[in-house]
Amino acid sequence: MNDPSYRNRQTARKLSTVFDIYNNGESGEIDLTDELWGEVFEPLKNPALFQTAHQDELMQTVVWANGADFAPEFLMEIMNKQNQQAA
């Protein structure tokens, strides 16, 4: 199944980086540094807040204590772009 809206796990690894495992077997670190701007996402630059990342069972995506979240498709797109740049 290639539907990235379902994930097995998200883990905040370090400031601005989460590790995702998708149900299609893809996984990797996603550096969100360039995405942490604006009223909702700027506060995630605070390491303590960023570390609150967890999977919301209803939305099936990573969310933070302040209510910020990213669509799983968007996260997978970023992960794939970053993997291609690293290769």
PDB file of N, CA and C in Angstrom:
ATOM      1  N   MET A   1       0.844  -1.176   0.000  1.00  0.00           N
ATOM      2  CA  MET A   1       0.000   0.000   0.000  1.00  0.00           C
ATOM      3  C   MET A   1       0.887   1.236   0.000  1.00  0.00           C
ATOM      4  N   ASN A   2       0.684   2.149  -0.922  1.00  0.00           N
ATOM      5  CA  ASN A   2       1.500   3.354  -1.024  1.00  0.00           C
ATOM      6  C   ASN A   2       0.810   4.585  -0.479  1.00  0.00           C
ATOM      7  N   ASP A   3      -0.195   4.431   0.331  1.00  0.00           N
ATOM      8  CA  ASP A   3      -0.900   5.567   0.909  1.00  0.00           C
ATOM      9  C   ASP A   3      -0.102   6.090   2.089  1.00  0.00           C
ATOM     10  N   PRO A   4       0.559   7.255   1.939  1.00  0.00           N
ATOM     11  CA  PRO A   4       1.396   7.761   3.022  1.00  0.00           C
ATOM     12  C   PRO A   4       0.603   8.337   4.175  1.00  0.00           C
ATOM     13  N   SER A   5      -0.709   8.325   4.085  1.00  0.00           N
ATOM     14  CA  SER A   5      -1.483   8.898   5.174  1.00  0.00           C
ATOM     15  C   SER A   5      -1.506   7.992   6.396  1.00  0.00           C
ATOM     16  N   TYR A   6      -0.995   6.813   6.263  1.00  0.00           N
ATOM     17  CA  TYR A   6      -0.927   5.916   7.409  1.00  0.00           C
ATOM     18  C   TYR A   6       0.521   5.676   7.761  1.00  0.00           C
ATOM     19  N   ARG A   7       0.848   5.895   8.984  1.00  0.00           N
ATOM     20  CA  ARG A   7       2.210   5.721   9.443  1.00  0.00           C
ATOM     21  C   ARG A   7       2.248   4.780  10.614  1.00  0.00           C
ATOM     22  N   ASN A   8       3.364   4.165  10.765  1.00  0.00           N
ATOM     23  CA  ASN A   8       3.573   3.324  11.930  1.00  0.00           C
ATOM     24  C   ASN A   8       4.116   4.118  13.110  1.00  0.00           C
ATOM     25  N   ARG A   9       4.996   5.090  12.834  1.00  0.00           N
ATOM     26  CA  ARG A   9       5.667   5.750  13.951  1.00  0.00           C
ATOM     27  C   ARG A   9       6.328   7.041  13.508  1.00  0.00           C
ATOM     28  N   GLN A  10       6.329   8.003  14.397  1.00  0.00           N
ATOM     29  CA  GLN A  10       7.134   9.202  14.218  1.00  0.00           C
ATOM     30  C   GLN A  10       7.913   9.410  15.503  1.00  0.00           C
ATOM     31  N   THR A  11       9.126   9.837  15.370  1.00  0.00           N
ATOM     32  CA  THR A  11       9.965  10.118  16.520  1.00  0.00           C
ATOM     33  C   THR A  11      10.743  11.394  16.265  1.00  0.00           C
ATOM     34  N   ALA A  12      10.690  12.308  17.203  1.00  0.00           N
ATOM     35  CA  ALA A  12      11.531  13.504  17.092  1.00  0.00           C
ATOM     36  C   ALA A  12      12.946  13.088  17.425  1.00  0.00           C
ATOM     37  N   ARG A  13      13.875  13.257  16.499  1.00  0.00           N
ATOM     38  CA  ARG A  13      15.247  12.828  16.680  1.00  0.00           C
ATOM     39  C   ARG A  13      16.132  13.926  17.243  1.00  0.00           C
ATOM     40  N   LYS A  14      16.087  15.057  16.627  1.00  0.00           N
ATOM     41  CA  LYS A  14      16.886  16.200  17.037  1.00  0.00           C
ATOM     42  C   LYS A  14      16.119  17.424  16.587  1.00  0.00           C
ATOM     43  N   LEU A  15      16.583  18.575  16.945  1.00  0.00           N
ATOM     44  CA  LEU A  15      15.861  19.778  16.570  1.00  0.00           C
ATOM     45  C   LEU A  15      15.590  19.796  15.071  1.00  0.00           C
ATOM     46  N   SER A  16      14.354  19.942  14.714  1.00  0.00           N
ATOM     47  CA  SER A  16      13.884  20.078  13.332  1.00  0.00           C
ATOM     48  C   SER A  16      13.887  18.785  12.533  1.00  0.00           C
ATOM     49  N   THR A  17      14.118  17.643  13.136  1.00  0.00           N
ATOM     50  CA  THR A  17      14.152  16.387  12.400  1.00  0.00           C
ATOM     51  C   THR A  17      13.243  15.354  13.053  1.00  0.00           C
ATOM     52  N   VAL A  18      12.405  14.720  12.227  1.00  0.00           N
ATOM     53  CA  VAL A  18      11.591  13.598  12.695  1.00  0.00           C
ATOM     54  C   VAL A  18      11.976  12.370  11.892  1.00  0.00           C
ATOM     55  N   PHE A  19      11.756  11.208  12.464  1.00  0.00           N
ATOM     56  CA  PHE A  19      11.985   9.944  11.767  1.00  0.00           C
ATOM     57  C   PHE A  19      10.624   9.306  11.563  1.00  0.00           C
ATOM     58  N   ASP A  20      10.263   9.040  10.321  1.00  0.00           N
ATOM     59  CA  ASP A  20       8.977   8.445   9.993  1.00  0.00           C
ATOM     60  C   ASP A  20       9.158   7.069   9.411  1.00  0.00           C
ATOM     61  N   ILE A  21       8.223   6.197   9.745  1.00  0.00           N
ATOM     62  CA  ILE A  21       8.121   4.890   9.113  1.00  0.00           C
ATOM     63  C   ILE A  21       6.712   4.808   8.533  1.00  0.00           C
ATOM     64  N   TYR A  22       6.622   4.614   7.224  1.00  0.00           N
ATOM     65  CA  TYR A  22       5.337   4.525   6.542  1.00  0.00           C
ATOM     66  C   TYR A  22       4.937   3.072   6.364  1.00  0.00           C
ATOM     67  N   ASN A  23       3.651   2.850   6.171  1.00  0.00           N
ATOM     68  CA  ASN A  23       3.170   1.478   6.043  1.00  0.00           C
ATOM     69  C   ASN A  23       3.576   0.825   4.727  1.00  0.00           C
ATOM     70  N   ASN A  24       4.154   1.577   3.796  1.00  0.00           N
ATOM     71  CA  ASN A  24       4.629   0.983   2.546  1.00  0.00           C
ATOM     72  C   ASN A  24       6.092   0.557   2.643  1.00  0.00           C
ATOM     73  N   GLY A  25       6.665   0.677   3.841  1.00  0.00           N
ATOM     74  CA  GLY A  25       8.044   0.259   4.056  1.00  0.00           C
ATOM     75  C   GLY A  25       9.060   1.374   3.950  1.00  0.00           C
ATOM     76  N   GLU A  26       8.666   2.520   3.425  1.00  0.00           N
ATOM     77  CA  GLU A  26       9.598   3.643   3.341  1.00  0.00           C
ATOM     78  C   GLU A  26       9.801   4.238   4.724  1.00  0.00           C
ATOM     79  N   SER A  27      11.012   4.699   4.968  1.00  0.00           N
ATOM     80  CA  SER A  27      11.302   5.331   6.250  1.00  0.00           C
ATOM     81  C   SER A  27      12.490   6.259   6.083  1.00  0.00           C
ATOM     82  N   GLY A  28      12.615   7.184   6.995  1.00  0.00           N
ATOM     83  CA  GLY A  28      13.764   8.057   6.963  1.00  0.00           C
ATOM     84  C   GLY A  28      13.590   9.284   7.821  1.00  0.00           C
ATOM     85  N   GLU A  29      14.701   9.975   8.000  1.00  0.00           N
ATOM     86  CA  GLU A  29      14.669  11.232   8.727  1.00  0.00           C
ATOM     87  C   GLU A  29      14.186  12.332   7.798  1.00  0.00           C
ATOM     88  N   ILE A  30      13.418  13.242   8.364  1.00  0.00           N
ATOM     89  CA  ILE A  30      12.908  14.380   7.608  1.00  0.00           C
ATOM     90  C   ILE A  30      13.334  15.635   8.341  1.00  0.00           C
ATOM     91  N   ASP A  31      14.165  16.424   7.690  1.00  0.00           N
ATOM     92  CA  ASP A  31      14.628  17.685   8.261  1.00  0.00           C
ATOM     93  C   ASP A  31      13.598  18.755   7.933  1.00  0.00           C
ATOM     94  N   LEU A  32      12.952  19.288   8.946  1.00  0.00           N
ATOM     95  CA  LEU A  32      11.885  20.271   8.767  1.00  0.00           C
ATOM     96  C   LEU A  32      12.361  21.709   8.951  1.00  0.00           C
ATOM     97  N   THR A  33      13.656  21.925   9.007  1.00  0.00           N
ATOM     98  CA  THR A  33      14.200  23.258   9.257  1.00  0.00           C
ATOM     99  C   THR A  33      13.571  24.324   8.364  1.00  0.00           C
ATOM    100  N   ASP A  34      13.465  24.049   7.074  1.00  0.00           N
ATOM    101  CA  ASP A  34      12.936  25.042   6.132  1.00  0.00           C
ATOM    102  C   ASP A  34      11.426  25.229   6.232  1.00  0.00           C
ATOM    103  N   GLU A  35      10.761  24.364   6.977  1.00  0.00           N
ATOM    104  CA  GLU A  35       9.297  24.424   7.092  1.00  0.00           C
ATOM    105  C   GLU A  35       8.835  25.084   8.390  1.00  0.00           C
ATOM    106  N   LEU A  36       9.761  25.377   9.300  1.00  0.00           N
ATOM    107  CA  LEU A  36       9.386  25.909  10.610  1.00  0.00           C
ATOM    108  C   LEU A  36       9.323  27.429  10.583  1.00  0.00           C
ATOM    109  N   TRP A  37       8.294  27.948   9.939  1.00  0.00           N
ATOM    110  CA  TRP A  37       8.080  29.381   9.866  1.00  0.00           C
ATOM    111  C   TRP A  37       6.566  29.624   9.977  1.00  0.00           C
ATOM    112  N   GLY A  38       6.210  30.820  10.299  1.00  0.00           N
ATOM    113  CA  GLY A  38       4.799  31.178  10.429  1.00  0.00           C
ATOM    114  C   GLY A  38       4.299  30.975  11.851  1.00  0.00           C
ATOM    115  N   GLU A  39       3.120  31.435  12.073  1.00  0.00           N
ATOM    116  CA  GLU A  39       2.518  31.456  13.413  1.00  0.00           C
ATOM    117  C   GLU A  39       2.426  30.078  14.067  1.00  0.00           C
ATOM    118  N   VAL A  40       2.108  29.061  13.300  1.00  0.00           N
ATOM    119  CA  VAL A  40       1.919  27.719  13.857  1.00  0.00           C
ATOM    120  C   VAL A  40       3.235  26.964  14.009  1.00  0.00           C
ATOM    121  N   PHE A  41       4.112  27.075  13.010  1.00  0.00           N
ATOM    122  CA  PHE A  41       5.312  26.244  12.986  1.00  0.00           C
ATOM    123  C   PHE A  41       6.548  26.888  13.599  1.00  0.00           C
ATOM    124  N   GLU A  42       6.622  28.197  13.629  1.00  0.00           N
ATOM    125  CA  GLU A  42       7.782  28.901  14.203  1.00  0.00           C
ATOM    126  C   GLU A  42       8.060  28.457  15.653  1.00  0.00           C
ATOM    127  N   PRO A  43       7.021  28.272  16.492  1.00  0.00           N
ATOM    128  CA  PRO A  43       7.290  27.838  17.868  1.00  0.00           C
ATOM    129  C   PRO A  43       7.997  26.489  17.966  1.00  0.00           C
ATOM    130  N   LEU A  44       7.938  25.672  16.907  1.00  0.00           N
ATOM    131  CA  LEU A  44       8.598  24.360  16.933  1.00  0.00           C
ATOM    132  C   LEU A  44      10.114  24.459  16.896  1.00  0.00           C
ATOM    133  N   LYS A  45      10.632  25.662  16.719  1.00  0.00           N
ATOM    134  CA  LYS A  45      12.079  25.850  16.809  1.00  0.00           C
ATOM    135  C   LYS A  45      12.554  25.704  18.254  1.00  0.00           C
ATOM    136  N   ASN A  46      11.637  25.747  19.193  1.00  0.00           N
ATOM    137  CA  ASN A  46      11.945  25.503  20.600  1.00  0.00           C
ATOM    138  C   ASN A  46      12.140  23.992  20.762  1.00  0.00           C
ATOM    139  N   PRO A  47      13.333  23.547  21.149  1.00  0.00           N
ATOM    140  CA  PRO A  47      13.596  22.099  21.240  1.00  0.00           C
ATOM    141  C   PRO A  47      12.621  21.353  22.143  1.00  0.00           C
ATOM    142  N   ALA A  48      12.226  21.947  23.251  1.00  0.00           N
ATOM    143  CA  ALA A  48      11.307  21.264  24.163  1.00  0.00           C
ATOM    144  C   ALA A  48       9.956  21.024  23.485  1.00  0.00           C
ATOM    145  N   LEU A  49       9.474  22.003  22.732  1.00  0.00           N
ATOM    146  CA  LEU A  49       8.200  21.830  22.029  1.00  0.00           C
ATOM    147  C   LEU A  49       8.347  20.852  20.876  1.00  0.00           C
ATOM    148  N   PHE A  50       9.454  20.929  20.139  1.00  0.00           N
ATOM    149  CA  PHE A  50       9.647  20.012  19.012  1.00  0.00           C
ATOM    150  C   PHE A  50       9.654  18.561  19.492  1.00  0.00           C
ATOM    151  N   GLN A  51      10.190  18.325  20.662  1.00  0.00           N
ATOM    152  CA  GLN A  51      10.271  16.960  21.196  1.00  0.00           C
ATOM    153  C   GLN A  51       8.910  16.380  21.591  1.00  0.00           C
ATOM    154  N   THR A  52       7.849  17.188  21.546  1.00  0.00           N
ATOM    155  CA  THR A  52       6.511  16.668  21.856  1.00  0.00           C
ATOM    156  C   THR A  52       5.885  15.964  20.656  1.00  0.00           C
ATOM    157  N   ALA A  53       6.612  15.835  19.559  1.00  0.00           N
ATOM    158  CA  ALA A  53       6.079  15.178  18.360  1.00  0.00           C
ATOM    159  C   ALA A  53       5.579  13.779  18.679  1.00  0.00           C
ATOM    160  N   HIS A  54       4.396  13.477  18.170  1.00  0.00           N
ATOM    161  CA  HIS A  54       3.828  12.141  18.335  1.00  0.00           C
ATOM    162  C   HIS A  54       2.806  11.902  17.221  1.00  0.00           C
ATOM    163  N   GLN A  55       2.422  10.652  17.069  1.00  0.00           N
ATOM    164  CA  GLN A  55       1.433  10.311  16.050  1.00  0.00           C
ATOM    165  C   GLN A  55       0.038  10.508  16.611  1.00  0.00           C
ATOM    166  N   ASP A  56      -0.754  11.268  15.902  1.00  0.00           N
ATOM    167  CA  ASP A  56      -2.163  11.421  16.238  1.00  0.00           C
ATOM    168  C   ASP A  56      -2.907  10.255  15.605  1.00  0.00           C
ATOM    169  N   GLU A  57      -3.556   9.449  16.416  1.00  0.00           N
ATOM    170  CA  GLU A  57      -4.212   8.241  15.917  1.00  0.00           C
ATOM    171  C   GLU A  57      -5.367   8.555  14.973  1.00  0.00           C
ATOM    172  N   LEU A  58      -6.069   9.644  15.211  1.00  0.00           N
ATOM    173  CA  LEU A  58      -7.196  10.004  14.357  1.00  0.00           C
ATOM    174  C   LEU A  58      -6.720  10.560  13.016  1.00  0.00           C
ATOM    175  N   MET A  59      -5.773  11.494  13.064  1.00  0.00           N
ATOM    176  CA  MET A  59      -5.294  12.139  11.838  1.00  0.00           C
ATOM    177  C   MET A  59      -4.226  11.325  11.125  1.00  0.00           C
ATOM    178  N   GLN A  60      -3.624  10.361  11.800  1.00  0.00           N
ATOM    179  CA  GLN A  60      -2.590   9.503  11.214  1.00  0.00           C
ATOM    180  C   GLN A  60      -1.399  10.305  10.695  1.00  0.00           C
ATOM    181  N   THR A  61      -0.997  11.312  11.464  1.00  0.00           N
ATOM    182  CA  THR A  61       0.178  12.093  11.099  1.00  0.00           C
ATOM    183  C   THR A  61       0.847  12.601  12.357  1.00  0.00           C
ATOM    184  N   VAL A  62       2.016  13.176  12.191  1.00  0.00           N
ATOM    185  CA  VAL A  62       2.763  13.712  13.325  1.00  0.00           C
ATOM    186  C   VAL A  62       2.136  15.045  13.753  1.00  0.00           C
ATOM    187  N   VAL A  63       1.973  15.198  15.052  1.00  0.00           N
ATOM    188  CA  VAL A  63       1.435  16.434  15.627  1.00  0.00           C
ATOM    189  C   VAL A  63       2.299  16.830  16.816  1.00  0.00           C
ATOM    190  N   TRP A  64       2.208  18.092  17.185  1.00  0.00           N
ATOM    191  CA  TRP A  64       2.944  18.609  18.334  1.00  0.00           C
ATOM    192  C   TRP A  64       1.976  19.162  19.359  1.00  0.00           C
ATOM    193  N   ALA A  65       2.463  19.397  20.551  1.00  0.00           N
ATOM    194  CA  ALA A  65       1.631  19.843  21.674  1.00  0.00           C
ATOM    195  C   ALA A  65       0.925  21.166  21.394  1.00  0.00           C
ATOM    196  N   ASN A  66       1.466  22.000  20.519  1.00  0.00           N
ATOM    197  CA  ASN A  66       0.818  23.282  20.206  1.00  0.00           C
ATOM    198  C   ASN A  66      -0.236  23.147  19.108  1.00  0.00           C
ATOM    199  N   GLY A  67      -0.492  21.926  18.634  1.00  0.00           N
ATOM    200  CA  GLY A  67      -1.502  21.692  17.604  1.00  0.00           C
ATOM    201  C   GLY A  67      -0.962  21.691  16.187  1.00  0.00           C
ATOM    202  N   ALA A  68       0.317  21.985  16.013  1.00  0.00           N
ATOM    203  CA  ALA A  68       0.914  21.969  14.673  1.00  0.00           C
ATOM    204  C   ALA A  68       0.932  20.541  14.132  1.00  0.00           C
ATOM    205  N   ASP A  69       0.733  20.414  12.824  1.00  0.00           N
ATOM    206  CA  ASP A  69       0.843  19.116  12.165  1.00  0.00           C
ATOM    207  C   ASP A  69       1.167  19.333  10.698  1.00  0.00           C
ATOM    208  N   PHE A  70       1.723  18.304  10.084  1.00  0.00           N
ATOM    209  CA  PHE A  70       2.013  18.314   8.653  1.00  0.00           C
ATOM    210  C   PHE A  70       1.264  17.148   8.023  1.00  0.00           C
ATOM    211  N   ALA A  71       0.736  17.348   6.830  1.00  0.00           N
ATOM    212  CA  ALA A  71       0.087  16.259   6.100  1.00  0.00           C
ATOM    213  C   ALA A  71       1.118  15.177   5.804  1.00  0.00           C
ATOM    214  N   PRO A  72       0.751  13.916   5.940  1.00  0.00           N
ATOM    215  CA  PRO A  72       1.710  12.842   5.691  1.00  0.00           C
ATOM    216  C   PRO A  72       2.257  12.849   4.271  1.00  0.00           C
ATOM    217  N   GLU A  73       1.422  13.232   3.302  1.00  0.00           N
ATOM    218  CA  GLU A  73       1.892  13.289   1.920  1.00  0.00           C
ATOM    219  C   GLU A  73       2.993  14.338   1.765  1.00  0.00           C
ATOM    220  N   PHE A  74       2.834  15.452   2.446  1.00  0.00           N
ATOM    221  CA  PHE A  74       3.832  16.518   2.416  1.00  0.00           C
ATOM    222  C   PHE A  74       5.145  16.041   3.038  1.00  0.00           C
ATOM    223  N   LEU A  75       5.042  15.355   4.169  1.00  0.00           N
ATOM    224  CA  LEU A  75       6.252  14.836   4.824  1.00  0.00           C
ATOM    225  C   LEU A  75       6.961  13.808   3.956  1.00  0.00           C
ATOM    226  N   MET A  76       6.187  12.944   3.309  1.00  0.00           N
ATOM    227  CA  MET A  76       6.806  11.942   2.443  1.00  0.00           C
ATOM    228  C   MET A  76       7.490  12.621   1.250  1.00  0.00           C
ATOM    229  N   GLU A  77       6.872  13.654   0.709  1.00  0.00           N
ATOM    230  CA  GLU A  77       7.468  14.395  -0.400  1.00  0.00           C
ATOM    231  C   GLU A  77       8.797  15.020   0.019  1.00  0.00           C
ATOM    232  N   ILE A  78       8.832  15.629   1.198  1.00  0.00           N
ATOM    233  CA  ILE A  78      10.075  16.219   1.700  1.00  0.00           C
ATOM    234  C   ILE A  78      11.133  15.138   1.892  1.00  0.00           C
ATOM    235  N   MET A  79      10.740  14.011   2.508  1.00  0.00           N
ATOM    236  CA  MET A  79      11.682  12.923   2.745  1.00  0.00           C
ATOM    237  C   MET A  79      12.274  12.426   1.430  1.00  0.00           C
ATOM    238  N   ASN A  80      11.426  12.232   0.416  1.00  0.00           N
ATOM    239  CA  ASN A  80      11.922  11.735  -0.871  1.00  0.00           C
ATOM    240  C   ASN A  80      12.862  12.749  -1.529  1.00  0.00           C
ATOM    241  N   LYS A  81      12.536  14.027  -1.471  1.00  0.00           N
ATOM    242  CA  LYS A  81      13.421  15.063  -2.029  1.00  0.00           C
ATOM    243  C   LYS A  81      14.761  15.085  -1.312  1.00  0.00           C
ATOM    244  N   GLN A  82      14.725  15.012   0.016  1.00  0.00           N
ATOM    245  CA  GLN A  82      15.974  15.022   0.781  1.00  0.00           C
ATOM    246  C   GLN A  82      16.810  13.783   0.506  1.00  0.00           C
ATOM    247  N   ASN A  83      16.161  12.641   0.344  1.00  0.00           N
ATOM    248  CA  ASN A  83      16.894  11.409   0.015  1.00  0.00           C
ATOM    249  C   ASN A  83      17.545  11.505  -1.359  1.00  0.00           C
ATOM    250  N   GLN A  84      16.840  12.114  -2.330  1.00  0.00           N
ATOM    251  CA  GLN A  84      17.403  12.266  -3.671  1.00  0.00           C
ATOM    252  C   GLN A  84      18.599  13.218  -3.660  1.00  0.00           C
ATOM    253  N   GLN A  85      18.500  14.291  -2.878  1.00  0.00           N
ATOM    254  CA  GLN A  85      19.601  15.241  -2.792  1.00  0.00           C
ATOM    255  C   GLN A  85      20.824  14.624  -2.137  1.00  0.00           C
ATOM    256  N   ALA A  86      20.602  13.709  -1.210  1.00  0.00           N
ATOM    257  CA  ALA A  86      21.714  13.074  -0.495  1.00  0.00           C
ATOM    258  C   ALA A  86      22.402  12.011  -1.347  1.00  0.00           C
ATOM    259  N   ALA A  87      21.681  11.487  -2.331  1.00  0.00           N
ATOM    260  CA  ALA A  87      22.228  10.390  -3.152  1.00  0.00           C
ATOM    261  C   ALA A  87      23.230  10.888  -4.178  1.00  0.00           C
TER     262      ALA A  87
END
